[in-house]
Amino acid sequence: MNLIESKKGASPMNKSFLIALLSWIVLSLSLTFAGIYFTTALGIATLISIAAFVFFEYEFFQIKKTEC
């Protein structure tokens, strides 16, 4: 058994967090390589990742849960 997944599968909180973490890593690296200052890239990536977490946690997975 994985640390992230239980027997029932990953919870929506874990999925949302992993999506936000992955987007933060990808955005911060890509913005840095695009020529934006590192601290500015981290700030922009953090804001976008927070928005992605909130979207997936409170909108996407809640809609998916109520459709079943």
PDB file of N, CA and C in Angstrom:
ATOM      1  N   MET A   1       0.848  -1.187   0.000  1.00  0.00           N
ATOM      2  CA  MET A   1       0.000   0.000   0.000  1.00  0.00           C
ATOM      3  C   MET A   1       0.884   1.238   0.000  1.00  0.00           C
ATOM      4  N   ASN A   2       0.499   2.171  -0.774  1.00  0.00           N
ATOM      5  CA  ASN A   2       1.223   3.405  -0.954  1.00  0.00           C
ATOM      6  C   ASN A   2       0.910   4.375   0.182  1.00  0.00           C
ATOM      7  N   LEU A   3       1.790   5.349   0.428  1.00  0.00           N
ATOM      8  CA  LEU A   3       1.495   6.357   1.439  1.00  0.00           C
ATOM      9  C   LEU A   3       0.355   7.259   1.010  1.00  0.00           C
ATOM     10  N   ILE A   4       0.202   7.451  -0.294  1.00  0.00           N
ATOM     11  CA  ILE A   4      -0.807   8.371  -0.808  1.00  0.00           C
ATOM     12  C   ILE A   4      -2.143   7.666  -1.009  1.00  0.00           C
ATOM     13  N   GLU A   5      -2.109   6.438  -1.448  1.00  0.00           N
ATOM     14  CA  GLU A   5      -3.345   5.740  -1.759  1.00  0.00           C
ATOM     15  C   GLU A   5      -3.709   4.739  -0.675  1.00  0.00           C
ATOM     16  N   SER A   6      -4.960   4.730  -0.298  1.00  0.00           N
ATOM     17  CA  SER A   6      -5.457   3.721   0.619  1.00  0.00           C
ATOM     18  C   SER A   6      -6.114   2.623  -0.201  1.00  0.00           C
ATOM     19  N   LYS A   7      -6.795   1.716   0.465  1.00  0.00           N
ATOM     20  CA  LYS A   7      -7.433   0.616  -0.258  1.00  0.00           C
ATOM     21  C   LYS A   7      -8.540   1.111  -1.182  1.00  0.00           C
ATOM     22  N   LYS A   8      -9.167   2.210  -0.836  1.00  0.00           N
ATOM     23  CA  LYS A   8     -10.258   2.757  -1.644  1.00  0.00           C
ATOM     24  C   LYS A   8      -9.761   3.672  -2.752  1.00  0.00           C
ATOM     25  N   GLY A   9      -8.488   3.968  -2.791  1.00  0.00           N
ATOM     26  CA  GLY A   9      -7.945   4.915  -3.758  1.00  0.00           C
ATOM     27  C   GLY A   9      -7.581   6.208  -3.068  1.00  0.00           C
ATOM     28  N   ALA A  10      -6.985   7.089  -3.796  1.00  0.00           N
ATOM     29  CA  ALA A  10      -6.558   8.368  -3.228  1.00  0.00           C
ATOM     30  C   ALA A  10      -7.766   9.254  -2.965  1.00  0.00           C
ATOM     31  N   SER A  11      -7.725   9.945  -1.848  1.00  0.00           N
ATOM     32  CA  SER A  11      -8.817  10.858  -1.524  1.00  0.00           C
ATOM     33  C   SER A  11      -8.712  12.103  -2.400  1.00  0.00           C
ATOM     34  N   PRO A  12      -9.809  12.833  -2.556  1.00  0.00           N
ATOM     35  CA  PRO A  12      -9.765  14.066  -3.364  1.00  0.00           C
ATOM     36  C   PRO A  12      -8.766  15.088  -2.831  1.00  0.00           C
ATOM     37  N   MET A  13      -8.571  15.128  -1.503  1.00  0.00           N
ATOM     38  CA  MET A  13      -7.597  16.057  -0.925  1.00  0.00           C
ATOM     39  C   MET A  13      -6.199  15.729  -1.418  1.00  0.00           C
ATOM     40  N   ASN A  14      -5.844  14.439  -1.429  1.00  0.00           N
ATOM     41  CA  ASN A  14      -4.522  14.045  -1.895  1.00  0.00           C
ATOM     42  C   ASN A  14      -4.355  14.314  -3.382  1.00  0.00           C
ATOM     43  N   LYS A  15      -5.394  14.029  -4.171  1.00  0.00           N
ATOM     44  CA  LYS A  15      -5.312  14.284  -5.607  1.00  0.00           C
ATOM     45  C   LYS A  15      -5.142  15.770  -5.880  1.00  0.00           C
ATOM     46  N   SER A  16      -5.901  16.593  -5.191  1.00  0.00           N
ATOM     47  CA  SER A  16      -5.810  18.043  -5.382  1.00  0.00           C
ATOM     48  C   SER A  16      -4.435  18.560  -4.997  1.00  0.00           C
ATOM     49  N   PHE A  17      -3.914  18.042  -3.886  1.00  0.00           N
ATOM     50  CA  PHE A  17      -2.598  18.480  -3.438  1.00  0.00           C
ATOM     51  C   PHE A  17      -1.515  18.064  -4.424  1.00  0.00           C
ATOM     52  N   LEU A  18      -1.587  16.845  -4.933  1.00  0.00           N
ATOM     53  CA  LEU A  18      -0.578  16.379  -5.875  1.00  0.00           C
ATOM     54  C   LEU A  18      -0.630  17.149  -7.190  1.00  0.00           C
ATOM     55  N   ILE A  19      -1.831  17.468  -7.654  1.00  0.00           N
ATOM     56  CA  ILE A  19      -1.958  18.273  -8.870  1.00  0.00           C
ATOM     57  C   ILE A  19      -1.367  19.662  -8.647  1.00  0.00           C
ATOM     58  N   ALA A  20      -1.664  20.273  -7.493  1.00  0.00           N
ATOM     59  CA  ALA A  20      -1.131  21.600  -7.191  1.00  0.00           C
ATOM     60  C   ALA A  20       0.386  21.568  -7.033  1.00  0.00           C
ATOM     61  N   LEU A  21       0.910  20.527  -6.399  1.00  0.00           N
ATOM     62  CA  LEU A  21       2.359  20.413  -6.230  1.00  0.00           C
ATOM     63  C   LEU A  21       3.065  20.237  -7.573  1.00  0.00           C
ATOM     64  N   LEU A  22       2.508  19.387  -8.414  1.00  0.00           N
ATOM     65  CA  LEU A  22       3.098  19.177  -9.733  1.00  0.00           C
ATOM     66  C   LEU A  22       3.046  20.454 -10.567  1.00  0.00           C
ATOM     67  N   SER A  23       1.930  21.160 -10.497  1.00  0.00           N
ATOM     68  CA  SER A  23       1.839  22.408 -11.262  1.00  0.00           C
ATOM     69  C   SER A  23       2.806  23.456 -10.721  1.00  0.00           C
ATOM     70  N   TRP A  24       3.029  23.478  -9.408  1.00  0.00           N
ATOM     71  CA  TRP A  24       3.976  24.429  -8.835  1.00  0.00           C
ATOM     72  C   TRP A  24       5.395  24.149  -9.319  1.00  0.00           C
ATOM     73  N   ILE A  25       5.784  22.884  -9.308  1.00  0.00           N
ATOM     74  CA  ILE A  25       7.132  22.518  -9.752  1.00  0.00           C
ATOM     75  C   ILE A  25       7.324  22.859 -11.231  1.00  0.00           C
ATOM     76  N   VAL A  26       6.373  22.450 -12.053  1.00  0.00           N
ATOM     77  CA  VAL A  26       6.491  22.677 -13.497  1.00  0.00           C
ATOM     78  C   VAL A  26       6.478  24.174 -13.815  1.00  0.00           C
ATOM     79  N   LEU A  27       5.558  24.908 -13.214  1.00  0.00           N
ATOM     80  CA  LEU A  27       5.472  26.346 -13.503  1.00  0.00           C
ATOM     81  C   LEU A  27       6.686  27.116 -13.008  1.00  0.00           C
ATOM     82  N   SER A  28       7.160  26.800 -11.818  1.00  0.00           N
ATOM     83  CA  SER A  28       8.318  27.542 -11.311  1.00  0.00           C
ATOM     84  C   SER A  28       9.560  27.282 -12.160  1.00  0.00           C
ATOM     85  N   LEU A  29       9.759  26.041 -12.580  1.00  0.00           N
ATOM     86  CA  LEU A  29      10.916  25.752 -13.430  1.00  0.00           C
ATOM     87  C   LEU A  29      10.774  26.368 -14.823  1.00  0.00           C
ATOM     88  N   SER A  30       9.588  26.239 -15.400  1.00  0.00           N
ATOM     89  CA  SER A  30       9.416  26.766 -16.760  1.00  0.00           C
ATOM     90  C   SER A  30       9.468  28.295 -16.784  1.00  0.00           C
ATOM     91  N   LEU A  31       8.922  28.955 -15.774  1.00  0.00           N
ATOM     92  CA  LEU A  31       9.012  30.413 -15.725  1.00  0.00           C
ATOM     93  C   LEU A  31      10.443  30.873 -15.488  1.00  0.00           C
ATOM     94  N   THR A  32      11.195  30.117 -14.700  1.00  0.00           N
ATOM     95  CA  THR A  32      12.597  30.454 -14.473  1.00  0.00           C
ATOM     96  C   THR A  32      13.399  30.302 -15.759  1.00  0.00           C
ATOM     97  N   PHE A  33      13.167  29.215 -16.482  1.00  0.00           N
ATOM     98  CA  PHE A  33      13.877  29.002 -17.737  1.00  0.00           C
ATOM     99  C   PHE A  33      13.434  29.995 -18.814  1.00  0.00           C
ATOM    100  N   ALA A  34      12.240  30.544 -18.667  1.00  0.00           N
ATOM    101  CA  ALA A  34      11.754  31.530 -19.635  1.00  0.00           C
ATOM    102  C   ALA A  34      12.377  32.903 -19.417  1.00  0.00           C
ATOM    103  N   GLY A  35      13.142  33.068 -18.348  1.00  0.00           N
ATOM    104  CA  GLY A  35      13.847  34.325 -18.139  1.00  0.00           C
ATOM    105  C   GLY A  35      13.286  35.200 -17.052  1.00  0.00           C
ATOM    106  N   ILE A  36      12.275  34.737 -16.340  1.00  0.00           N
ATOM    107  CA  ILE A  36      11.720  35.505 -15.225  1.00  0.00           C
ATOM    108  C   ILE A  36      12.589  35.242 -13.993  1.00  0.00           C
ATOM    109  N   TYR A  37      12.777  36.263 -13.149  1.00  0.00           N
ATOM    110  CA  TYR A  37      13.570  36.085 -11.937  1.00  0.00           C
ATOM    111  C   TYR A  37      13.014  34.935 -11.108  1.00  0.00           C
ATOM    112  N   PHE A  38      13.913  34.236 -10.423  1.00  0.00           N
ATOM    113  CA  PHE A  38      13.538  33.027  -9.690  1.00  0.00           C
ATOM    114  C   PHE A  38      12.480  33.303  -8.628  1.00  0.00           C
ATOM    115  N   THR A  39      12.648  34.363  -7.843  1.00  0.00           N
ATOM    116  CA  THR A  39      11.687  34.644  -6.779  1.00  0.00           C
ATOM    117  C   THR A  39      10.326  35.052  -7.354  1.00  0.00           C
ATOM    118  N   THR A  40      10.339  35.771  -8.449  1.00  0.00           N
ATOM    119  CA  THR A  40       9.082  36.140  -9.105  1.00  0.00           C
ATOM    120  C   THR A  40       8.392  34.903  -9.669  1.00  0.00           C
ATOM    121  N   ALA A  41       9.180  33.997 -10.251  1.00  0.00           N
ATOM    122  CA  ALA A  41       8.628  32.756 -10.789  1.00  0.00           C
ATOM    123  C   ALA A  41       8.022  31.908  -9.678  1.00  0.00           C
ATOM    124  N   LEU A  42       8.687  31.858  -8.523  1.00  0.00           N
ATOM    125  CA  LEU A  42       8.130  31.105  -7.390  1.00  0.00           C
ATOM    126  C   LEU A  42       6.820  31.714  -6.906  1.00  0.00           C
ATOM    127  N   GLY A  43       6.754  33.036  -6.849  1.00  0.00           N
ATOM    128  CA  GLY A  43       5.529  33.704  -6.406  1.00  0.00           C
ATOM    129  C   GLY A  43       4.369  33.473  -7.355  1.00  0.00           C
ATOM    130  N   ILE A  44       4.622  33.612  -8.649  1.00  0.00           N
ATOM    131  CA  ILE A  44       3.571  33.383  -9.648  1.00  0.00           C
ATOM    132  C   ILE A  44       3.120  31.922  -9.614  1.00  0.00           C
ATOM    133  N   ALA A  45       4.084  31.005  -9.534  1.00  0.00           N
ATOM    134  CA  ALA A  45       3.746  29.579  -9.493  1.00  0.00           C
ATOM    135  C   ALA A  45       2.973  29.236  -8.229  1.00  0.00           C
ATOM    136  N   THR A  46       3.308  29.866  -7.113  1.00  0.00           N
ATOM    137  CA  THR A  46       2.588  29.620  -5.862  1.00  0.00           C
ATOM    138  C   THR A  46       1.135  30.074  -5.971  1.00  0.00           C
ATOM    139  N   LEU A  47       0.914  31.264  -6.509  1.00  0.00           N
ATOM    140  CA  LEU A  47      -0.457  31.767  -6.644  1.00  0.00           C
ATOM    141  C   LEU A  47      -1.291  30.880  -7.573  1.00  0.00           C
ATOM    142  N   ILE A  48      -0.703  30.469  -8.686  1.00  0.00           N
ATOM    143  CA  ILE A  48      -1.433  29.616  -9.621  1.00  0.00           C
ATOM    144  C   ILE A  48      -1.700  28.245  -9.001  1.00  0.00           C
ATOM    145  N   SER A  49      -0.747  27.724  -8.236  1.00  0.00           N
ATOM    146  CA  SER A  49      -0.930  26.418  -7.597  1.00  0.00           C
ATOM    147  C   SER A  49      -1.994  26.466  -6.510  1.00  0.00           C
ATOM    148  N   ILE A  50      -2.055  27.559  -5.777  1.00  0.00           N
ATOM    149  CA  ILE A  50      -3.115  27.705  -4.771  1.00  0.00           C
ATOM    150  C   ILE A  50      -4.474  27.736  -5.453  1.00  0.00           C
ATOM    151  N   ALA A  51      -4.558  28.471  -6.561  1.00  0.00           N
ATOM    152  CA  ALA A  51      -5.818  28.518  -7.305  1.00  0.00           C
ATOM    153  C   ALA A  51      -6.186  27.140  -7.861  1.00  0.00           C
ATOM    154  N   ALA A  52      -5.196  26.396  -8.333  1.00  0.00           N
ATOM    155  CA  ALA A  52      -5.458  25.050  -8.846  1.00  0.00           C
ATOM    156  C   ALA A  52      -5.930  24.126  -7.733  1.00  0.00           C
ATOM    157  N   PHE A  53      -5.305  24.229  -6.552  1.00  0.00           N
ATOM    158  CA  PHE A  53      -5.732  23.402  -5.418  1.00  0.00           C
ATOM    159  C   PHE A  53      -7.167  23.707  -5.024  1.00  0.00           C
ATOM    160  N   VAL A  54      -7.483  24.980  -4.917  1.00  0.00           N
ATOM    161  CA  VAL A  54      -8.847  25.367  -4.525  1.00  0.00           C
ATOM    162  C   VAL A  54      -9.853  24.894  -5.570  1.00  0.00           C
ATOM    163  N   PHE A  55      -9.518  25.048  -6.842  1.00  0.00           N
ATOM    164  CA  PHE A  55     -10.427  24.601  -7.897  1.00  0.00           C
ATOM    165  C   PHE A  55     -10.665  23.103  -7.815  1.00  0.00           C
ATOM    166  N   PHE A  56      -9.593  22.319  -7.762  1.00  0.00           N
ATOM    167  CA  PHE A  56      -9.766  20.870  -7.758  1.00  0.00           C
ATOM    168  C   PHE A  56     -10.369  20.367  -6.461  1.00  0.00           C
ATOM    169  N   GLU A  57     -10.065  20.998  -5.342  1.00  0.00           N
ATOM    170  CA  GLU A  57     -10.584  20.539  -4.055  1.00  0.00           C
ATOM    171  C   GLU A  57     -12.079  20.840  -3.907  1.00  0.00           C
ATOM    172  N   TYR A  58     -12.487  22.053  -4.266  1.00  0.00           N
ATOM    173  CA  TYR A  58     -13.860  22.482  -3.965  1.00  0.00           C
ATOM    174  C   TYR A  58     -14.801  22.462  -5.162  1.00  0.00           C
ATOM    175  N   GLU A  59     -14.302  22.380  -6.362  1.00  0.00           N
ATOM    176  CA  GLU A  59     -15.176  22.374  -7.535  1.00  0.00           C
ATOM    177  C   GLU A  59     -15.133  21.057  -8.286  1.00  0.00           C
ATOM    178  N   PHE A  60     -14.000  20.693  -8.814  1.00  0.00           N
ATOM    179  CA  PHE A  60     -13.892  19.558  -9.727  1.00  0.00           C
ATOM    180  C   PHE A  60     -14.261  18.247  -9.063  1.00  0.00           C
ATOM    181  N   PHE A  61     -13.647  17.926  -7.937  1.00  0.00           N
ATOM    182  CA  PHE A  61     -13.909  16.639  -7.305  1.00  0.00           C
ATOM    183  C   PHE A  61     -15.253  16.621  -6.584  1.00  0.00           C
ATOM    184  N   GLN A  62     -15.794  17.767  -6.191  1.00  0.00           N
ATOM    185  CA  GLN A  62     -17.126  17.798  -5.586  1.00  0.00           C
ATOM    186  C   GLN A  62     -18.188  17.533  -6.627  1.00  0.00           C
ATOM    187  N   ILE A  63     -18.021  18.090  -7.839  1.00  0.00           N
ATOM    188  CA  ILE A  63     -18.968  17.844  -8.924  1.00  0.00           C
ATOM    189  C   ILE A  63     -18.906  16.371  -9.322  1.00  0.00           C
ATOM    190  N   LYS A  64     -17.711  15.841  -9.397  1.00  0.00           N
ATOM    191  CA  LYS A  64     -17.532  14.440  -9.779  1.00  0.00           C
ATOM    192  C   LYS A  64     -18.163  13.521  -8.741  1.00  0.00           C
ATOM    193  N   LYS A  65     -18.091  13.889  -7.460  1.00  0.00           N
ATOM    194  CA  LYS A  65     -18.639  13.063  -6.394  1.00  0.00           C
ATOM    195  C   LYS A  65     -20.171  13.053  -6.436  1.00  0.00           C
ATOM    196  N   THR A  66     -20.808  14.180  -6.754  1.00  0.00           N
ATOM    197  CA  THR A  66     -22.265  14.244  -6.738  1.00  0.00           C
ATOM    198  C   THR A  66     -22.904  13.626  -7.978  1.00  0.00           C
ATOM    199  N   GLU A  67     -22.153  13.442  -9.060  1.00  0.00           N
ATOM    200  CA  GLU A  67     -22.720  12.850 -10.259  1.00  0.00           C
ATOM    201  C   GLU A  67     -22.967  11.357 -10.122  1.00  0.00           C
ATOM    202  N   CYS A  68     -22.220  10.697  -9.264  1.00  0.00           N
ATOM    203  CA  CYS A  68     -22.329   9.245  -9.142  1.00  0.00           C
ATOM    204  C   CYS A  68     -23.606   8.812  -8.475  1.00  0.00           C
TER     205      CYS A  68
END
